[in-house]
Amino acid sequence: MKIFKRNAIIITVILFVCVAVYLNWSYNRRDTVSDGSQAALDATSGEAAADESALYFDQEQTGEAAEEALGPAGTAGEYFANARLTRRQARDSAINTLREAAKLENASQEAIDHALSEITVLANYEVAEAEIEALITAKGFDECVVFLSDNSAIVTVPAPSAGLSESDVARITDIVLSETGLTTQQIKIIEVK
């Protein structure tokens, strides 16, 4: 019974951290969107969700999603810096929570092992994201930010003046496929203008 309670507490704490990160992201996202572009965002989000095989999203498809992520300053460089910072803070918070759960006096070995395995998974995501970002940058993109999870990869890159070409999308997709076990349907590429 004690093991179940401890595991339930650990899982609840992790869930609360995830919800807090999502709510923070959602709240900040909605603050930067005007009422008119929010309706466009909602409409296009439904279209993108309906087409799960969609690999590439440009600014018109995402309903100004890149602009809303830029915040008040509105530069692509700031978007990438803010995205990396937010990703880092969320991971650090999750790792700290897992470390605290593993250090509890009454923590069972199973709970400690679970927390350590989750920390390892998060660390592996960080390493894979850094490798993918470095490879994409080596292929000619100024910057990029990659967000990995167990069943998806989201890659944001600055949009060239003519937009991303099919060969750009193919190069990015090849890199993500070679570094992860994901399929093309699980990869989303978003250009930031």
Protein backbone atom coordinates (compact mmCIF):
# COMPACT_ATOMS: atom_id res chain seq x y z
CA MET A 1 0.00 0.00 0.00
CA LYS A 2 2.88 2.39 0.82
CA ILE A 3 4.51 1.73 -2.54
CA PHE A 4 1.27 2.51 -4.35
CA LYS A 5 0.83 5.77 -2.42
CA ARG A 6 4.40 6.89 -3.12
CA ASN A 7 4.10 6.06 -6.80
CA ALA A 8 0.77 7.85 -6.96
CA ILE A 9 2.32 10.93 -5.35
CA ILE A 10 5.24 10.90 -7.77
CA ILE A 11 2.97 10.51 -10.78
CA THR A 12 0.68 13.26 -9.47
CA VAL A 13 3.60 15.67 -9.02
CA ILE A 14 4.85 14.93 -12.54
CA LEU A 15 1.35 15.45 -13.90
CA PHE A 16 1.02 18.79 -12.09
CA VAL A 17 4.37 19.96 -13.50
CA CYS A 18 3.29 19.02 -17.02
CA VAL A 19 -0.06 20.77 -16.61
CA ALA A 20 1.68 23.87 -15.21
CA VAL A 21 4.06 24.01 -18.18
CA TYR A 22 1.17 23.61 -20.62
CA LEU A 23 -0.95 26.26 -18.91
CA ASN A 24 1.99 28.68 -18.84
CA TRP A 25 2.61 28.08 -22.53
CA SER A 26 -1.07 28.40 -23.36
CA TYR A 27 -1.50 31.57 -21.31
CA ASN A 28 1.56 33.25 -22.84
CA ARG A 29 0.49 32.18 -26.33
CA ARG A 30 -2.96 33.68 -25.99
CA ASP A 31 -1.62 36.98 -24.58
CA THR A 32 0.30 37.71 -27.76
CA VAL A 33 -2.52 36.92 -30.19
CA SER A 34 -5.04 39.54 -31.21
CA ASP A 35 -8.71 38.59 -31.29
CA GLY A 36 -8.81 38.45 -35.10
CA SER A 37 -5.80 36.21 -35.49
CA GLN A 38 -7.01 33.91 -32.69
CA ALA A 39 -10.05 32.96 -34.77
CA ALA A 40 -7.75 32.23 -37.72
CA LEU A 41 -5.49 30.17 -35.47
CA ASP A 42 -8.42 28.11 -34.18
CA ALA A 43 -9.72 27.51 -37.69
CA THR A 44 -6.38 26.43 -39.10
CA SER A 45 -5.51 24.32 -36.06
CA GLY A 46 -8.57 22.21 -36.78
CA GLU A 47 -7.49 21.80 -40.40
CA ALA A 48 -3.96 20.80 -39.39
CA ALA A 49 -5.28 18.32 -36.82
CA ALA A 50 -7.57 16.78 -39.41
CA ASP A 51 -4.62 16.08 -41.70
CA GLU A 52 -2.29 13.97 -39.56
CA SER A 53 -0.06 13.18 -42.51
CA ALA A 54 0.83 16.87 -42.82
CA LEU A 55 4.56 17.21 -42.43
CA TYR A 56 5.10 20.88 -43.15
CA PHE A 57 3.22 23.90 -41.90
CA ASP A 58 3.86 27.40 -43.17
CA GLN A 59 2.71 30.63 -41.55
CA GLU A 60 -0.54 30.77 -43.51
CA GLN A 61 -1.46 27.27 -42.32
CA THR A 62 -0.68 27.97 -38.67
CA GLY A 63 -2.69 31.19 -38.54
CA GLU A 64 0.10 33.52 -37.47
CA ALA A 65 1.36 30.96 -34.94
CA ALA A 66 4.93 32.07 -35.48
CA GLU A 67 4.05 35.70 -34.79
CA GLU A 68 2.25 34.80 -31.60
CA ALA A 69 5.27 32.84 -30.39
CA LEU A 70 7.55 35.79 -31.00
CA GLY A 71 6.05 37.83 -28.22
CA PRO A 72 6.03 41.61 -28.10
CA ALA A 73 9.44 42.18 -29.70
CA GLY A 74 8.57 40.05 -32.72
CA THR A 75 11.94 38.93 -34.06
CA ALA A 76 12.70 35.40 -35.12
CA GLY A 77 15.97 35.41 -33.15
CA GLU A 78 14.07 36.20 -29.98
CA TYR A 79 11.60 33.43 -30.74
CA PHE A 80 14.38 30.84 -30.87
CA ALA A 81 16.02 32.17 -27.71
CA ASN A 82 12.69 32.18 -25.84
CA ALA A 83 11.78 28.71 -27.10
CA ARG A 84 15.09 27.27 -25.93
CA LEU A 85 14.76 29.00 -22.56
CA THR A 86 11.20 27.76 -22.05
CA ARG A 87 12.16 24.22 -23.06
CA ARG A 88 15.13 24.32 -20.67
CA GLN A 89 13.05 25.64 -17.76
CA ALA A 90 10.36 23.00 -18.25
CA ARG A 91 12.92 20.19 -18.37
CA ASP A 92 14.82 21.53 -15.35
CA SER A 93 11.60 21.74 -13.38
CA ALA A 94 10.61 18.18 -14.29
CA ILE A 95 14.08 16.84 -13.48
CA ASN A 96 14.15 18.63 -10.12
CA THR A 97 10.74 17.20 -9.25
CA LEU A 98 11.89 13.71 -10.18
CA ARG A 99 15.11 14.10 -8.16
CA GLU A 100 13.14 15.24 -5.12
CA ALA A 101 10.79 12.29 -5.48
CA ALA A 102 13.76 9.92 -5.68
CA LYS A 103 15.32 11.45 -2.55
CA LEU A 104 12.26 11.01 -0.35
CA GLU A 105 13.12 9.09 2.81
CA ASN A 106 10.33 6.63 2.37
CA ALA A 107 10.76 6.20 -1.39
CA SER A 108 10.72 2.60 -2.50
CA GLN A 109 13.40 1.26 -4.79
CA GLU A 110 10.79 0.93 -7.53
CA ALA A 111 9.86 4.63 -7.23
CA ILE A 112 13.52 5.64 -7.23
CA ASP A 113 14.21 3.52 -10.29
CA HIS A 114 11.19 4.99 -12.08
CA ALA A 115 12.30 8.56 -11.30
CA LEU A 116 15.84 7.83 -12.46
CA SER A 117 14.58 6.26 -15.68
CA GLU A 118 12.41 9.33 -16.37
CA ILE A 119 15.42 11.60 -15.76
CA THR A 120 17.40 9.46 -18.21
CA VAL A 121 14.64 9.78 -20.82
CA LEU A 122 14.59 13.58 -20.43
CA ALA A 123 18.38 13.71 -20.68
CA ASN A 124 18.26 11.58 -23.84
CA TYR A 125 15.70 13.97 -25.35
CA GLU A 126 18.02 16.90 -24.59
CA VAL A 127 20.99 15.21 -26.24
CA ALA A 128 18.94 14.17 -29.29
CA GLU A 129 17.45 17.67 -29.63
CA ALA A 130 20.92 19.24 -29.49
CA GLU A 131 22.26 16.79 -32.09
CA ILE A 132 19.33 17.36 -34.44
CA GLU A 133 19.62 21.14 -34.04
CA ALA A 134 23.35 20.99 -34.81
CA LEU A 135 22.78 18.84 -37.90
CA ILE A 136 20.01 21.09 -39.20
CA THR A 137 22.17 24.15 -38.63
CA ALA A 138 25.00 22.41 -40.52
CA LYS A 139 22.62 21.97 -43.46
CA GLY A 140 22.38 25.74 -43.92
CA PHE A 141 19.72 26.98 -41.51
CA ASP A 142 20.69 29.89 -39.27
CA GLU A 143 18.81 28.55 -36.26
CA CYS A 144 16.33 25.90 -35.27
CA VAL A 145 14.62 24.54 -32.19
CA VAL A 146 13.56 20.92 -31.86
CA PHE A 147 11.00 19.59 -29.38
CA LEU A 148 11.05 15.82 -28.95
CA SER A 149 8.67 13.52 -27.14
CA ASP A 150 8.15 9.78 -27.27
CA ASN A 151 5.75 10.04 -30.21
CA SER A 152 6.49 13.31 -32.00
CA ALA A 153 9.08 15.82 -33.11
CA ILE A 154 8.42 19.46 -33.80
CA VAL A 155 11.11 21.37 -35.68
CA THR A 156 10.95 25.16 -35.98
CA VAL A 157 13.25 26.88 -38.48
CA PRO A 158 13.48 30.44 -39.76
CA ALA A 159 11.62 30.87 -43.00
CA PRO A 160 13.69 31.78 -46.05
CA SER A 161 12.30 34.70 -48.04
CA ALA A 162 10.84 32.30 -50.61
CA GLY A 163 9.63 29.89 -47.93
CA LEU A 164 10.84 26.38 -47.26
CA SER A 165 11.39 24.34 -50.38
CA GLU A 166 10.56 20.67 -50.69
CA SER A 167 14.28 19.88 -50.56
CA ASP A 168 14.61 21.84 -47.28
CA VAL A 169 11.73 19.87 -45.78
CA ALA A 170 13.25 16.62 -47.05
CA ARG A 171 16.67 17.44 -45.53
CA ILE A 172 15.12 18.28 -42.15
CA THR A 173 12.92 15.18 -42.25
CA ASP A 174 15.89 12.94 -43.11
CA ILE A 175 17.86 14.30 -40.17
CA VAL A 176 15.01 13.77 -37.70
CA LEU A 177 14.29 10.29 -39.07
CA SER A 178 17.95 9.27 -38.80
CA GLU A 179 18.27 10.49 -35.20
CA THR A 180 14.94 9.21 -33.85
CA GLY A 181 12.70 6.20 -34.33
CA LEU A 182 9.80 8.36 -35.49
CA THR A 183 7.84 8.18 -38.72
CA THR A 184 7.25 11.05 -41.12
CA GLN A 185 3.69 11.42 -39.81
CA GLN A 186 5.09 12.14 -36.35
CA ILE A 187 7.32 15.00 -37.55
CA LYS A 188 6.08 18.56 -37.90
CA ILE A 189 8.17 21.33 -39.44
CA ILE A 190 7.15 24.91 -38.74
CA GLU A 191 8.77 27.90 -40.36
CA VAL A 192 9.08 31.06 -38.28
CA LYS A 193 8.77 34.32 -40.20
